Amino acid sequence: MPLNDSILAQLTATVFVIGAPNMITIDGLRSFIERVASGKQKVTCGAIFTNFLLHGVSFPTAPNVNLKVGSYVVYLTDRKEIERVDQLDWLEEN
């Protein structure tokens, strides 16, 4: 079963990479990031690849979360794990 907004909403892993193709929508991705920014969802280090271009899409931010948006990927880390985002950057390039 492809990953979708409902499954993303139930994610409990704190370290993850979600590949594409998947059925996650912009609204589902934004909702997930809002939960992370509000502290309701814990993420140590994660990457979510999308089927849609993310240029021009805005997401909520919070001081406890590092958020990096690429063309088709969102990287999230806890501020204490910021160096892991740099290690994940190669995923988008390869």
Protein backbone atom coordinates (compact mmCIF):
# COMPACT_ATOMS: atom_id res chain seq x y z
CA MET A 1 0.00 0.00 0.00
CA PRO A 2 1.48 3.40 -0.97
CA LEU A 3 2.19 5.84 1.83
CA ASN A 4 -0.52 8.51 2.05
CA ASP A 5 -1.57 11.40 4.30
CA SER A 6 -3.40 9.11 6.75
CA ILE A 7 -0.37 6.86 7.23
CA LEU A 8 1.95 9.89 7.50
CA ALA A 9 -0.31 11.25 10.26
CA GLN A 10 0.26 8.02 12.22
CA LEU A 11 4.05 7.91 11.78
CA THR A 12 5.83 7.21 15.06
CA ALA A 13 9.39 6.72 13.80
CA THR A 14 11.78 9.51 14.71
CA VAL A 15 14.41 8.59 12.08
CA PHE A 16 13.08 7.89 8.59
CA VAL A 17 13.33 8.37 4.83
CA ILE A 18 10.07 8.29 2.89
CA GLY A 19 10.67 7.73 -0.80
CA ALA A 20 8.64 8.65 -3.84
CA PRO A 21 6.40 7.78 -5.51
CA ASN A 22 3.89 8.02 -2.70
CA MET A 23 0.40 9.47 -2.22
CA ILE A 24 1.33 12.23 0.23
CA THR A 25 -0.28 15.57 -0.67
CA ILE A 26 0.91 19.10 0.04
CA ASP A 27 -1.79 19.40 2.73
CA GLY A 28 -0.70 16.14 4.38
CA LEU A 29 2.95 17.18 4.30
CA ARG A 30 2.15 20.62 5.70
CA SER A 31 0.05 19.05 8.48
CA PHE A 32 2.90 16.68 9.40
CA ILE A 33 5.41 19.54 9.52
CA GLU A 34 2.99 21.60 11.65
CA ARG A 35 2.87 18.73 14.17
CA VAL A 36 6.66 18.58 14.24
CA ALA A 37 6.98 22.38 14.61
CA SER A 38 4.44 22.40 17.47
CA GLY A 39 6.26 19.61 19.32
CA LYS A 40 3.38 17.12 18.93
CA GLN A 41 5.51 14.94 16.62
CA LYS A 42 9.13 14.05 17.46
CA VAL A 43 11.62 13.86 14.59
CA THR A 44 15.30 13.23 15.15
CA CYS A 45 16.23 13.06 11.47
CA GLY A 46 13.95 12.53 8.48
CA ALA A 47 13.53 13.03 4.77
CA ILE A 48 10.25 13.01 2.85
CA PHE A 49 10.42 12.85 -0.94
CA THR A 50 7.40 14.10 -2.87
CA ASN A 51 5.82 13.62 -6.28
CA PHE A 52 5.35 17.38 -6.62
CA LEU A 53 7.67 20.36 -6.88
CA LEU A 54 8.15 22.18 -3.58
CA HIS A 55 9.42 25.53 -4.92
CA GLY A 56 7.24 28.30 -3.50
CA VAL A 57 5.59 26.06 -0.89
CA SER A 58 5.84 27.51 2.61
CA PHE A 59 5.96 25.46 5.78
CA PRO A 60 5.75 26.43 9.46
CA THR A 61 9.04 26.67 11.30
CA ALA A 62 10.04 26.39 14.93
CA PRO A 63 13.24 27.04 16.86
CA ASN A 64 13.54 23.37 17.84
CA VAL A 65 13.40 22.06 14.24
CA ASN A 66 15.75 22.46 11.30
CA LEU A 67 13.77 22.37 8.04
CA LYS A 68 15.43 22.28 4.64
CA VAL A 69 13.31 22.15 1.48
CA GLY A 70 14.70 20.93 -1.84
CA SER A 71 13.00 20.58 -5.21
CA TYR A 72 11.21 17.34 -4.33
CA VAL A 73 12.33 16.63 -0.74
CA VAL A 74 11.91 18.00 2.77
CA TYR A 75 14.62 17.32 5.35
CA LEU A 76 13.72 17.63 9.04
CA THR A 77 16.01 17.37 12.03
CA ASP A 78 15.98 18.21 15.67
CA ARG A 79 18.26 21.23 16.17
CA LYS A 80 20.62 18.99 18.13
CA GLU A 81 20.96 16.73 15.07
CA ILE A 82 21.54 19.46 12.48
CA GLU A 83 24.65 17.84 11.01
CA ARG A 84 22.55 14.89 9.85
CA VAL A 85 20.72 17.08 7.31
CA ASP A 86 24.02 17.77 5.57
CA GLN A 87 24.65 14.02 5.43
CA LEU A 88 21.23 13.46 3.83
CA ASP A 89 21.70 16.09 1.09
CA TRP A 90 23.28 13.54 -1.21
CA LEU A 91 19.93 11.69 -1.41
CA GLU A 92 18.40 14.40 -3.60
CA GLU A 93 21.42 14.56 -5.88
CA ASN A 94 21.62 10.79 -6.52
